[in-house]
PDB file of N, CA and C in Angstrom:
ATOM      1  N   MET A   1     -20.458 -71.713 -54.999  1.00  0.00           N
ATOM      2  CA  MET A   1     -19.355 -71.135 -56.004  1.00  0.00           C
ATOM      3  C   MET A   1     -18.733 -69.801 -55.360  1.00  0.00           C
ATOM      4  N   VAL A   2     -17.413 -69.862 -55.537  1.00  0.00           N
ATOM      5  CA  VAL A   2     -16.587 -68.796 -55.199  1.00  0.00           C
ATOM      6  C   VAL A   2     -15.712 -68.289 -56.156  1.00  0.00           C
ATOM      7  N   THR A   3     -15.873 -67.138 -56.720  1.00  0.00           N
ATOM      8  CA  THR A   3     -15.280 -66.580 -57.754  1.00  0.00           C
ATOM      9  C   THR A   3     -14.329 -65.367 -57.311  1.00  0.00           C
ATOM     10  N   ILE A   4     -13.242 -64.804 -57.900  1.00  0.00           N
ATOM     11  CA  ILE A   4     -12.621 -63.813 -57.522  1.00  0.00           C
ATOM     12  C   ILE A   4     -12.655 -62.668 -58.688  1.00  0.00           C
ATOM     13  N   LYS A   5     -12.339 -61.376 -58.003  1.00  0.00           N
ATOM     14  CA  LYS A   5     -12.345 -60.046 -59.241  1.00  0.00           C
ATOM     15  C   LYS A   5     -11.835 -58.962 -58.615  1.00  0.00           C
ATOM     16  N   ARG A   6     -11.169 -58.280 -59.630  1.00  0.00           N
ATOM     17  CA  ARG A   6     -10.565 -56.918 -58.915  1.00  0.00           C
ATOM     18  C   ARG A   6     -11.814 -55.985 -58.820  1.00  0.00           C
ATOM     19  N   ILE A   7     -11.774 -55.383 -57.869  1.00  0.00           N
ATOM     20  CA  ILE A   7     -12.757 -54.391 -57.319  1.00  0.00           C
ATOM     21  C   ILE A   7     -12.902 -53.204 -58.556  1.00  0.00           C
ATOM     22  N   TYR A   8     -11.881 -53.071 -59.207  1.00  0.00           N
ATOM     23  CA  TYR A   8     -12.054 -52.076 -60.393  1.00  0.00           C
ATOM     24  C   TYR A   8     -12.770 -52.614 -61.603  1.00  0.00           C
ATOM     25  N   GLU A   9     -13.064 -53.778 -61.739  1.00  0.00           N
ATOM     26  CA  GLU A   9     -13.834 -54.505 -62.830  1.00  0.00           C
ATOM     27  C   GLU A   9     -15.431 -54.055 -62.501  1.00  0.00           C
ATOM     28  N   THR A  10     -16.206 -53.997 -63.526  1.00  0.00           N
ATOM     29  CA  THR A  10     -17.494 -53.747 -63.371  1.00  0.00           C
ATOM     30  C   THR A  10     -18.414 -54.739 -62.750  1.00  0.00           C
ATOM     31  N   PRO A  11     -19.162 -54.328 -61.800  1.00  0.00           N
ATOM     32  CA  PRO A  11     -19.986 -55.485 -61.220  1.00  0.00           C
ATOM     33  C   PRO A  11     -20.882 -56.160 -62.162  1.00  0.00           C
ATOM     34  N   ALA A  12     -21.150 -57.332 -61.905  1.00  0.00           N
ATOM     35  CA  ALA A  12     -22.153 -58.042 -62.984  1.00  0.00           C
ATOM     36  C   ALA A  12     -23.177 -58.656 -62.091  1.00  0.00           C
ATOM     37  N   ASN A  13     -24.390 -59.062 -62.631  1.00  0.00           N
ATOM     38  CA  ASN A  13     -25.551 -59.768 -62.001  1.00  0.00           C
ATOM     39  C   ASN A  13     -25.060 -61.084 -61.656  1.00  0.00           C
ATOM     40  N   SER A  14     -24.176 -61.776 -62.236  1.00  0.00           N
ATOM     41  CA  SER A  14     -23.706 -63.116 -61.755  1.00  0.00           C
ATOM     42  C   SER A  14     -22.707 -63.136 -60.914  1.00  0.00           C
ATOM     43  N   ASP A  15     -22.323 -62.001 -60.126  1.00  0.00           N
ATOM     44  CA  ASP A  15     -21.377 -61.908 -59.081  1.00  0.00           C
ATOM     45  C   ASP A  15     -21.992 -62.597 -57.862  1.00  0.00           C
ATOM     46  N   GLY A  16     -23.197 -62.494 -57.870  1.00  0.00           N
ATOM     47  CA  GLY A  16     -23.712 -62.931 -56.285  1.00  0.00           C
ATOM     48  C   GLY A  16     -23.188 -62.188 -55.280  1.00  0.00           C
ATOM     49  N   ARG A  17     -23.127 -62.640 -54.258  1.00  0.00           N
ATOM     50  CA  ARG A  17     -22.791 -61.638 -53.129  1.00  0.00           C
ATOM     51  C   ARG A  17     -21.336 -60.987 -53.321  1.00  0.00           C
ATOM     52  N   ARG A  18     -21.249 -59.811 -53.326  1.00  0.00           N
ATOM     53  CA  ARG A  18     -19.981 -59.089 -53.498  1.00  0.00           C
ATOM     54  C   ARG A  18     -19.098 -58.792 -52.193  1.00  0.00           C
ATOM     55  N   ILE A  19     -18.044 -59.326 -51.852  1.00  0.00           N
ATOM     56  CA  ILE A  19     -17.471 -59.063 -50.503  1.00  0.00           C
ATOM     57  C   ILE A  19     -15.850 -58.419 -50.966  1.00  0.00           C
ATOM     58  N   LEU A  20     -15.730 -57.489 -50.433  1.00  0.00           N
ATOM     59  CA  LEU A  20     -14.174 -56.865 -50.450  1.00  0.00           C
ATOM     60  C   LEU A  20     -13.388 -57.541 -49.203  1.00  0.00           C
ATOM     61  N   VAL A  21     -12.359 -58.116 -49.872  1.00  0.00           N
ATOM     62  CA  VAL A  21     -11.498 -59.013 -48.916  1.00  0.00           C
ATOM     63  C   VAL A  21     -10.266 -58.411 -48.495  1.00  0.00           C
ATOM     64  N   ASP A  22     -10.001 -57.065 -48.842  1.00  0.00           N
ATOM     65  CA  ASP A  22      -8.910 -56.330 -48.541  1.00  0.00           C
ATOM     66  C   ASP A  22      -8.967 -55.684 -47.096  1.00  0.00           C
ATOM     67  N   ARG A  23      -7.787 -55.364 -46.540  1.00  0.00           N
ATOM     68  CA  ARG A  23      -7.868 -54.637 -45.156  1.00  0.00           C
ATOM     69  C   ARG A  23      -7.986 -53.164 -45.277  1.00  0.00           C
ATOM     70  N   LEU A  24      -7.600 -52.684 -46.524  1.00  0.00           N
ATOM     71  CA  LEU A  24      -7.449 -51.230 -46.904  1.00  0.00           C
ATOM     72  C   LEU A  24      -8.348 -51.023 -47.987  1.00  0.00           C
ATOM     73  N   TRP A  25      -9.105 -49.824 -47.818  1.00  0.00           N
ATOM     74  CA  TRP A  25     -10.171 -49.423 -48.862  1.00  0.00           C
ATOM     75  C   TRP A  25      -9.422 -49.213 -50.274  1.00  0.00           C
ATOM     76  N   PRO A  26      -9.696 -49.817 -51.294  1.00  0.00           N
ATOM     77  CA  PRO A  26      -9.040 -49.624 -52.579  1.00  0.00           C
ATOM     78  C   PRO A  26      -9.038 -48.158 -53.162  1.00  0.00           C
ATOM     79  N   ARG A  27      -8.080 -47.722 -53.685  1.00  0.00           N
ATOM     80  CA  ARG A  27      -8.009 -46.364 -54.119  1.00  0.00           C
ATOM     81  C   ARG A  27      -8.769 -46.100 -55.313  1.00  0.00           C
ATOM     82  N   GLY A  28      -9.225 -44.706 -55.161  1.00  0.00           N
ATOM     83  CA  GLY A  28     -10.173 -44.332 -56.398  1.00  0.00           C
ATOM     84  C   GLY A  28     -11.466 -45.065 -56.628  1.00  0.00           C
ATOM     85  N   VAL A  29     -11.851 -45.789 -55.656  1.00  0.00           N
ATOM     86  CA  VAL A  29     -13.212 -46.549 -55.800  1.00  0.00           C
ATOM     87  C   VAL A  29     -14.118 -45.908 -54.681  1.00  0.00           C
ATOM     88  N   SER A  30     -15.383 -45.487 -55.303  1.00  0.00           N
ATOM     89  CA  SER A  30     -16.301 -45.123 -54.340  1.00  0.00           C
ATOM     90  C   SER A  30     -17.108 -46.156 -53.795  1.00  0.00           C
ATOM     91  N   LYS A  31     -17.845 -45.904 -52.782  1.00  0.00           N
ATOM     92  CA  LYS A  31     -18.556 -47.059 -52.103  1.00  0.00           C
ATOM     93  C   LYS A  31     -19.807 -47.475 -53.125  1.00  0.00           C
ATOM     94  N   GLU A  32     -20.125 -46.488 -53.937  1.00  0.00           N
ATOM     95  CA  GLU A  32     -21.298 -46.706 -55.044  1.00  0.00           C
ATOM     96  C   GLU A  32     -20.834 -47.350 -56.066  1.00  0.00           C
ATOM     97  N   ARG A  33     -19.641 -47.118 -56.526  1.00  0.00           N
ATOM     98  CA  ARG A  33     -18.989 -47.975 -57.684  1.00  0.00           C
ATOM     99  C   ARG A  33     -18.472 -49.121 -57.206  1.00  0.00           C
ATOM    100  N   ALA A  34     -18.045 -49.471 -55.942  1.00  0.00           N
ATOM    101  CA  ALA A  34     -17.914 -50.917 -55.747  1.00  0.00           C
ATOM    102  C   ALA A  34     -18.984 -51.841 -55.312  1.00  0.00           C
ATOM    103  N   ALA A  35     -20.313 -51.370 -55.122  1.00  0.00           N
ATOM    104  CA  ALA A  35     -21.410 -52.263 -55.206  1.00  0.00           C
ATOM    105  C   ALA A  35     -21.239 -53.305 -54.264  1.00  0.00           C
ATOM    106  N   LEU A  36     -20.718 -53.309 -53.226  1.00  0.00           N
ATOM    107  CA  LEU A  36     -20.398 -54.010 -52.054  1.00  0.00           C
ATOM    108  C   LEU A  36     -21.653 -54.551 -51.265  1.00  0.00           C
ATOM    109  N   ASP A  37     -21.558 -55.822 -51.086  1.00  0.00           N
ATOM    110  CA  ASP A  37     -22.651 -56.317 -50.178  1.00  0.00           C
ATOM    111  C   ASP A  37     -22.186 -56.401 -48.503  1.00  0.00           C
ATOM    112  N   GLU A  38     -20.631 -56.568 -48.365  1.00  0.00           N
ATOM    113  CA  GLU A  38     -20.001 -56.578 -47.460  1.00  0.00           C
ATOM    114  C   GLU A  38     -18.431 -56.296 -47.585  1.00  0.00           C
ATOM    115  N   TRP A  39     -17.800 -55.855 -46.456  1.00  0.00           N
ATOM    116  CA  TRP A  39     -16.397 -55.754 -46.398  1.00  0.00           C
ATOM    117  C   TRP A  39     -15.870 -56.376 -45.335  1.00  0.00           C
ATOM    118  N   LEU A  40     -15.213 -57.493 -45.491  1.00  0.00           N
ATOM    119  CA  LEU A  40     -14.452 -58.293 -44.409  1.00  0.00           C
ATOM    120  C   LEU A  40     -13.115 -57.822 -44.332  1.00  0.00           C
ATOM    121  N   LYS A  41     -12.726 -57.085 -43.695  1.00  0.00           N
ATOM    122  CA  LYS A  41     -11.194 -56.703 -43.482  1.00  0.00           C
ATOM    123  C   LYS A  41     -10.488 -57.608 -42.840  1.00  0.00           C
ATOM    124  N   ASP A  42     -11.261 -58.409 -41.935  1.00  0.00           N
ATOM    125  CA  ASP A  42     -10.240 -59.268 -40.855  1.00  0.00           C
ATOM    126  C   ASP A  42     -10.048 -60.577 -41.552  1.00  0.00           C
ATOM    127  N   VAL A  43     -10.657 -60.811 -42.861  1.00  0.00           N
ATOM    128  CA  VAL A  43     -10.099 -62.095 -43.417  1.00  0.00           C
ATOM    129  C   VAL A  43      -8.899 -61.848 -44.306  1.00  0.00           C
ATOM    130  N   ALA A  44      -8.559 -60.581 -44.544  1.00  0.00           N
ATOM    131  CA  ALA A  44      -7.295 -60.527 -45.125  1.00  0.00           C
ATOM    132  C   ALA A  44      -6.039 -60.783 -44.394  1.00  0.00           C
ATOM    133  N   PRO A  45      -5.002 -60.847 -45.096  1.00  0.00           N
ATOM    134  CA  PRO A  45      -3.704 -61.241 -44.469  1.00  0.00           C
ATOM    135  C   PRO A  45      -3.277 -60.151 -43.206  1.00  0.00           C
ATOM    136  N   SER A  46      -2.586 -60.671 -42.349  1.00  0.00           N
ATOM    137  CA  SER A  46      -2.161 -59.539 -41.177  1.00  0.00           C
ATOM    138  C   SER A  46      -1.472 -58.653 -41.876  1.00  0.00           C
ATOM    139  N   PRO A  47      -1.338 -57.552 -41.338  1.00  0.00           N
ATOM    140  CA  PRO A  47      -0.508 -56.378 -41.833  1.00  0.00           C
ATOM    141  C   PRO A  47       0.850 -56.747 -41.811  1.00  0.00           C
ATOM    142  N   GLU A  48       1.435 -57.517 -40.687  1.00  0.00           N
ATOM    143  CA  GLU A  48       2.878 -57.905 -41.012  1.00  0.00           C
ATOM    144  C   GLU A  48       3.034 -58.810 -42.227  1.00  0.00           C
ATOM    145  N   LEU A  49       2.168 -59.935 -42.375  1.00  0.00           N
ATOM    146  CA  LEU A  49       2.235 -60.623 -43.604  1.00  0.00           C
ATOM    147  C   LEU A  49       2.297 -59.855 -44.771  1.00  0.00           C
ATOM    148  N   ARG A  50       1.156 -59.122 -44.831  1.00  0.00           N
ATOM    149  CA  ARG A  50       1.019 -58.292 -46.051  1.00  0.00           C
ATOM    150  C   ARG A  50       2.414 -57.468 -46.495  1.00  0.00           C
ATOM    151  N   MET A  51       2.812 -56.673 -45.383  1.00  0.00           N
ATOM    152  CA  MET A  51       3.916 -55.857 -45.462  1.00  0.00           C
ATOM    153  C   MET A  51       5.409 -56.839 -45.948  1.00  0.00           C
ATOM    154  N   TRP A  52       5.322 -57.978 -45.503  1.00  0.00           N
ATOM    155  CA  TRP A  52       6.681 -58.976 -45.626  1.00  0.00           C
ATOM    156  C   TRP A  52       6.416 -59.331 -47.234  1.00  0.00           C
ATOM    157  N   PHE A  53       4.994 -59.841 -47.531  1.00  0.00           N
ATOM    158  CA  PHE A  53       4.845 -60.366 -48.791  1.00  0.00           C
ATOM    159  C   PHE A  53       5.192 -59.305 -50.057  1.00  0.00           C
ATOM    160  N   GLY A  54       4.700 -58.137 -49.788  1.00  0.00           N
ATOM    161  CA  GLY A  54       4.992 -57.003 -50.893  1.00  0.00           C
ATOM    162  C   GLY A  54       4.624 -57.230 -52.266  1.00  0.00           C
ATOM    163  N   HIS A  55       3.775 -58.209 -52.637  1.00  0.00           N
ATOM    164  CA  HIS A  55       3.333 -58.740 -53.788  1.00  0.00           C
ATOM    165  C   HIS A  55       4.513 -59.217 -54.676  1.00  0.00           C
ATOM    166  N   LYS A  56       5.694 -59.829 -53.947  1.00  0.00           N
ATOM    167  CA  LYS A  56       6.715 -60.292 -54.794  1.00  0.00           C
ATOM    168  C   LYS A  56       6.534 -61.858 -55.209  1.00  0.00           C
ATOM    169  N   PRO A  57       6.435 -61.828 -56.570  1.00  0.00           N
ATOM    170  CA  PRO A  57       6.146 -63.343 -57.020  1.00  0.00           C
ATOM    171  C   PRO A  57       6.855 -64.431 -56.158  1.00  0.00           C
ATOM    172  N   GLU A  58       8.274 -63.992 -56.150  1.00  0.00           N
ATOM    173  CA  GLU A  58       9.230 -65.005 -55.552  1.00  0.00           C
ATOM    174  C   GLU A  58       8.801 -65.413 -54.297  1.00  0.00           C
ATOM    175  N   ARG A  59       7.945 -64.825 -53.474  1.00  0.00           N
ATOM    176  CA  ARG A  59       7.478 -65.025 -52.150  1.00  0.00           C
ATOM    177  C   ARG A  59       6.067 -65.600 -52.048  1.00  0.00           C
ATOM    178  N   PHE A  60       5.453 -65.592 -53.169  1.00  0.00           N
ATOM    179  CA  PHE A  60       3.871 -66.178 -53.170  1.00  0.00           C
ATOM    180  C   PHE A  60       3.745 -67.389 -52.442  1.00  0.00           C
ATOM    181  N   ALA A  61       4.607 -68.401 -52.841  1.00  0.00           N
ATOM    182  CA  ALA A  61       4.418 -69.759 -52.067  1.00  0.00           C
ATOM    183  C   ALA A  61       4.517 -69.858 -50.560  1.00  0.00           C
ATOM    184  N   GLU A  62       5.472 -69.154 -50.115  1.00  0.00           N
ATOM    185  CA  GLU A  62       5.622 -69.164 -48.567  1.00  0.00           C
ATOM    186  C   GLU A  62       4.429 -68.238 -48.313  1.00  0.00           C
ATOM    187  N   PHE A  63       4.114 -67.058 -48.789  1.00  0.00           N
ATOM    188  CA  PHE A  63       2.996 -66.049 -48.211  1.00  0.00           C
ATOM    189  C   PHE A  63       1.681 -67.002 -48.092  1.00  0.00           C
ATOM    190  N   SER A  64       1.575 -67.787 -49.299  1.00  0.00           N
ATOM    191  CA  SER A  64       0.285 -68.559 -49.432  1.00  0.00           C
ATOM    192  C   SER A  64       0.335 -69.373 -48.030  1.00  0.00           C
ATOM    193  N   ARG A  65       1.228 -70.171 -47.797  1.00  0.00           N
ATOM    194  CA  ARG A  65       1.251 -71.157 -46.588  1.00  0.00           C
ATOM    195  C   ARG A  65       1.113 -70.499 -45.317  1.00  0.00           C
ATOM    196  N   LYS A  66       1.730 -69.314 -45.122  1.00  0.00           N
ATOM    197  CA  LYS A  66       1.612 -68.448 -43.961  1.00  0.00           C
ATOM    198  C   LYS A  66       0.143 -67.808 -44.161  1.00  0.00           C
ATOM    199  N   TYR A  67      -0.564 -67.357 -44.926  1.00  0.00           N
ATOM    200  CA  TYR A  67      -1.629 -66.931 -45.040  1.00  0.00           C
ATOM    201  C   TYR A  67      -2.840 -68.098 -44.554  1.00  0.00           C
ATOM    202  N   ILE A  68      -2.666 -69.202 -45.209  1.00  0.00           N
ATOM    203  CA  ILE A  68      -3.642 -70.265 -44.843  1.00  0.00           C
ATOM    204  C   ILE A  68      -3.388 -70.651 -43.494  1.00  0.00           C
ATOM    205  N   SER A  69      -2.455 -70.690 -42.843  1.00  0.00           N
ATOM    206  CA  SER A  69      -2.274 -70.660 -41.500  1.00  0.00           C
ATOM    207  C   SER A  69      -2.834 -69.680 -40.842  1.00  0.00           C
ATOM    208  N   GLU A  70      -3.062 -68.415 -41.138  1.00  0.00           N
ATOM    209  CA  GLU A  70      -3.736 -67.425 -40.467  1.00  0.00           C
ATOM    210  C   GLU A  70      -5.208 -67.751 -40.856  1.00  0.00           C
ATOM    211  N   LEU A  71      -5.677 -68.159 -41.848  1.00  0.00           N
ATOM    212  CA  LEU A  71      -7.100 -68.384 -42.155  1.00  0.00           C
ATOM    213  C   LEU A  71      -7.465 -69.432 -41.352  1.00  0.00           C
ATOM    214  N   GLU A  72      -6.837 -70.640 -41.008  1.00  0.00           N
ATOM    215  CA  GLU A  72      -7.126 -71.602 -40.175  1.00  0.00           C
ATOM    216  C   GLU A  72      -7.770 -71.128 -38.860  1.00  0.00           C
ATOM    217  N   HIS A  73      -7.401 -70.052 -38.343  1.00  0.00           N
ATOM    218  CA  HIS A  73      -7.800 -69.655 -37.080  1.00  0.00           C
ATOM    219  C   HIS A  73      -8.483 -68.221 -37.118  1.00  0.00           C
ATOM    220  N   ASN A  74      -9.345 -67.996 -38.196  1.00  0.00           N
ATOM    221  CA  ASN A  74      -9.869 -66.704 -38.320  1.00  0.00           C
ATOM    222  C   ASN A  74     -11.396 -66.728 -38.501  1.00  0.00           C
ATOM    223  N   SER A  75     -12.178 -66.093 -37.728  1.00  0.00           N
ATOM    224  CA  SER A  75     -13.465 -66.188 -37.517  1.00  0.00           C
ATOM    225  C   SER A  75     -14.153 -65.678 -38.883  1.00  0.00           C
ATOM    226  N   ALA A  76     -13.617 -64.567 -39.382  1.00  0.00           N
ATOM    227  CA  ALA A  76     -13.978 -64.067 -40.743  1.00  0.00           C
ATOM    228  C   ALA A  76     -14.094 -65.150 -41.918  1.00  0.00           C
ATOM    229  N   ALA A  77     -12.817 -66.011 -41.859  1.00  0.00           N
ATOM    230  CA  ALA A  77     -12.875 -67.063 -42.872  1.00  0.00           C
ATOM    231  C   ALA A  77     -14.019 -68.063 -42.680  1.00  0.00           C
ATOM    232  N   GLU A  78     -14.333 -68.116 -41.120  1.00  0.00           N
ATOM    233  CA  GLU A  78     -15.320 -69.132 -40.986  1.00  0.00           C
ATOM    234  C   GLU A  78     -16.735 -68.612 -41.642  1.00  0.00           C
ATOM    235  N   GLN A  79     -16.921 -67.389 -41.346  1.00  0.00           N
ATOM    236  CA  GLN A  79     -17.891 -66.720 -41.860  1.00  0.00           C
ATOM    237  C   GLN A  79     -18.270 -66.864 -43.518  1.00  0.00           C
ATOM    238  N   LEU A  80     -17.011 -66.926 -44.079  1.00  0.00           N
ATOM    239  CA  LEU A  80     -17.104 -66.933 -45.641  1.00  0.00           C
ATOM    240  C   LEU A  80     -17.498 -68.417 -45.882  1.00  0.00           C
ATOM    241  N   LYS A  81     -16.617 -69.259 -45.233  1.00  0.00           N
ATOM    242  CA  LYS A  81     -16.978 -70.726 -45.630  1.00  0.00           C
ATOM    243  C   LYS A  81     -18.635 -70.890 -45.442  1.00  0.00           C
ATOM    244  N   THR A  82     -19.276 -70.295 -44.323  1.00  0.00           N
ATOM    245  CA  THR A  82     -20.614 -70.488 -44.213  1.00  0.00           C
ATOM    246  C   THR A  82     -21.327 -69.999 -45.353  1.00  0.00           C
ATOM    247  N   LEU A  83     -21.137 -68.778 -45.779  1.00  0.00           N
ATOM    248  CA  LEU A  83     -21.787 -68.180 -46.872  1.00  0.00           C
ATOM    249  C   LEU A  83     -21.567 -68.825 -48.109  1.00  0.00           C
ATOM    250  N   ALA A  84     -20.407 -69.453 -48.286  1.00  0.00           N
ATOM    251  CA  ALA A  84     -20.083 -70.128 -49.522  1.00  0.00           C
ATOM    252  C   ALA A  84     -20.907 -71.371 -49.785  1.00  0.00           C
ATOM    253  N   LYS A  85     -21.164 -71.825 -48.550  1.00  0.00           N
ATOM    254  CA  LYS A  85     -22.231 -73.103 -48.738  1.00  0.00           C
ATOM    255  C   LYS A  85     -23.616 -72.684 -49.284  1.00  0.00           C
ATOM    256  N   LYS A  86     -24.009 -71.432 -49.124  1.00  0.00           N
ATOM    257  CA  LYS A  86     -25.361 -70.997 -49.320  1.00  0.00           C
ATOM    258  C   LYS A  86     -25.588 -70.273 -50.590  1.00  0.00           C
ATOM    259  N   GLU A  87     -24.640 -69.699 -50.991  1.00  0.00           N
ATOM    260  CA  GLU A  87     -24.862 -68.459 -52.177  1.00  0.00           C
ATOM    261  C   GLU A  87     -23.542 -68.458 -52.884  1.00  0.00           C
ATOM    262  N   PRO A  88     -23.742 -67.990 -54.078  1.00  0.00           N
ATOM    263  CA  PRO A  88     -22.451 -67.691 -54.907  1.00  0.00           C
ATOM    264  C   PRO A  88     -21.685 -66.349 -54.149  1.00  0.00           C
ATOM    265  N   LEU A  89     -20.558 -66.288 -54.191  1.00  0.00           N
ATOM    266  CA  LEU A  89     -19.783 -65.424 -53.624  1.00  0.00           C
ATOM    267  C   LEU A  89     -18.663 -64.752 -54.712  1.00  0.00           C
ATOM    268  N   THR A  90     -18.510 -63.589 -54.904  1.00  0.00           N
ATOM    269  CA  THR A  90     -17.221 -62.834 -55.471  1.00  0.00           C
ATOM    270  C   THR A  90     -16.461 -62.139 -54.512  1.00  0.00           C
ATOM    271  N   LEU A  91     -15.151 -62.762 -54.383  1.00  0.00           N
ATOM    272  CA  LEU A  91     -14.481 -62.055 -53.440  1.00  0.00           C
ATOM    273  C   LEU A  91     -13.675 -61.021 -54.239  1.00  0.00           C
ATOM    274  N   LEU A  92     -13.734 -59.939 -53.691  1.00  0.00           N
ATOM    275  CA  LEU A  92     -13.057 -58.458 -54.357  1.00  0.00           C
ATOM    276  C   LEU A  92     -11.804 -58.041 -53.793  1.00  0.00           C
ATOM    277  N   TYR A  93     -10.799 -57.797 -54.728  1.00  0.00           N
ATOM    278  CA  TYR A  93      -9.523 -57.325 -54.096  1.00  0.00           C
ATOM    279  C   TYR A  93      -8.965 -56.483 -54.980  1.00  0.00           C
ATOM    280  N   ALA A  94      -8.036 -55.728 -54.634  1.00  0.00           N
ATOM    281  CA  ALA A  94      -7.418 -54.504 -55.465  1.00  0.00           C
ATOM    282  C   ALA A  94      -6.161 -54.694 -55.963  1.00  0.00           C
ATOM    283  N   ALA A  95      -5.413 -55.796 -55.624  1.00  0.00           N
ATOM    284  CA  ALA A  95      -3.978 -56.178 -56.139  1.00  0.00           C
ATOM    285  C   ALA A  95      -4.108 -56.163 -57.659  1.00  0.00           C
ATOM    286  N   LYS A  96      -2.869 -55.631 -58.376  1.00  0.00           N
ATOM    287  CA  LYS A  96      -2.729 -55.430 -59.599  1.00  0.00           C
ATOM    288  C   LYS A  96      -2.640 -56.849 -60.234  1.00  0.00           C
ATOM    289  N   ASP A  97      -1.662 -57.735 -59.665  1.00  0.00           N
ATOM    290  CA  ASP A  97      -1.440 -59.070 -60.397  1.00  0.00           C
ATOM    291  C   ASP A  97      -2.515 -60.053 -60.087  1.00  0.00           C
ATOM    292  N   PRO A  98      -3.208 -60.486 -61.192  1.00  0.00           N
ATOM    293  CA  PRO A  98      -4.259 -61.492 -60.949  1.00  0.00           C
ATOM    294  C   PRO A  98      -3.636 -62.888 -60.502  1.00  0.00           C
ATOM    295  N   LYS A  99      -2.583 -63.026 -60.724  1.00  0.00           N
ATOM    296  CA  LYS A  99      -1.745 -64.343 -60.419  1.00  0.00           C
ATOM    297  C   LYS A  99      -1.055 -64.388 -59.279  1.00  0.00           C
ATOM    298  N   VAL A 100      -0.769 -63.370 -58.465  1.00  0.00           N
ATOM    299  CA  VAL A 100      -0.178 -63.243 -57.147  1.00  0.00           C
ATOM    300  C   VAL A 100      -0.658 -62.303 -56.175  1.00  0.00           C
ATOM    301  N   ASN A 101      -1.790 -62.881 -55.685  1.00  0.00           N
ATOM    302  CA  ASN A 101      -2.649 -61.816 -54.572  1.00  0.00           C
ATOM    303  C   ASN A 101      -3.452 -62.994 -53.611  1.00  0.00           C
ATOM    304  N   HIS A 102      -3.528 -62.451 -52.478  1.00  0.00           N
ATOM    305  CA  HIS A 102      -4.207 -63.041 -51.317  1.00  0.00           C
ATOM    306  C   HIS A 102      -5.649 -63.535 -51.651  1.00  0.00           C
ATOM    307  N   ALA A 103      -6.348 -63.217 -52.675  1.00  0.00           N
ATOM    308  CA  ALA A 103      -7.761 -63.513 -52.899  1.00  0.00           C
ATOM    309  C   ALA A 103      -7.622 -64.784 -53.528  1.00  0.00           C
ATOM    310  N   LEU A 104      -6.537 -65.042 -54.554  1.00  0.00           N
ATOM    311  CA  LEU A 104      -6.477 -66.580 -54.996  1.00  0.00           C
ATOM    312  C   LEU A 104      -6.316 -67.673 -53.873  1.00  0.00           C
ATOM    313  N   VAL A 105      -5.442 -67.224 -52.920  1.00  0.00           N
ATOM    314  CA  VAL A 105      -5.228 -68.219 -51.644  1.00  0.00           C
ATOM    315  C   VAL A 105      -6.466 -68.239 -50.999  1.00  0.00           C
ATOM    316  N   LEU A 106      -7.102 -67.248 -50.686  1.00  0.00           N
ATOM    317  CA  LEU A 106      -8.588 -67.262 -49.902  1.00  0.00           C
ATOM    318  C   LEU A 106      -9.450 -68.149 -50.630  1.00  0.00           C
ATOM    319  N   LYS A 107      -9.625 -67.986 -51.878  1.00  0.00           N
ATOM    320  CA  LYS A 107     -10.637 -68.717 -52.769  1.00  0.00           C
ATOM    321  C   LYS A 107     -10.123 -70.269 -52.565  1.00  0.00           C
ATOM    322  N   LYS A 108      -8.932 -70.656 -52.783  1.00  0.00           N
ATOM    323  CA  LYS A 108      -8.496 -71.926 -52.777  1.00  0.00           C
ATOM    324  C   LYS A 108      -8.922 -72.535 -51.244  1.00  0.00           C
ATOM    325  N   PHE A 109      -8.742 -71.512 -50.248  1.00  0.00           N
ATOM    326  CA  PHE A 109      -8.950 -72.254 -48.920  1.00  0.00           C
ATOM    327  C   PHE A 109     -10.508 -72.480 -48.839  1.00  0.00           C
ATOM    328  N   LEU A 110     -11.285 -71.681 -49.403  1.00  0.00           N
ATOM    329  CA  LEU A 110     -12.677 -71.823 -49.162  1.00  0.00           C
ATOM    330  C   LEU A 110     -13.005 -72.909 -49.840  1.00  0.00           C
ATOM    331  N   VAL A 111     -12.499 -73.157 -51.061  1.00  0.00           N
ATOM    332  CA  VAL A 111     -13.234 -74.242 -51.850  1.00  0.00           C
ATOM    333  C   VAL A 111     -12.726 -75.555 -51.345  1.00  0.00           C
ATOM    334  N   ARG A 112     -11.520 -75.666 -50.807  1.00  0.00           N
ATOM    335  CA  ARG A 112     -10.986 -76.927 -49.977  1.00  0.00           C
ATOM    336  C   ARG A 112     -11.822 -77.203 -48.954  1.00  0.00           C
ATOM    337  N   HIS A 113     -12.381 -76.218 -48.247  1.00  0.00           N
ATOM    338  CA  HIS A 113     -13.002 -76.438 -46.899  1.00  0.00           C
ATOM    339  C   HIS A 113     -14.632 -76.529 -47.261  1.00  0.00           C
TER     340      HIS A 113
END
């Protein structure tokens, strides 16, 4: 099972393994408060793709296609696929919009594979 959650939300026992999937550390969150099991920076979109996207909803569909293409050749994504088969995962992200962010795309990619 793969779920996603903003890192600013309170950790829960039901989260399973908590993995930060952002390339940059979220502002205002201490390592203790984050309660991470792992930080996989390399599974996040490339800096170039992230900058191009800019969290603009009108670019989300094209961003999703490009990000999935990056994930197809990403060793960190392979690591997450393996983990997702063994235990519940909560992918943590910092983006403000719960409907327009890379964690949604990553979750869909993991569930599909």
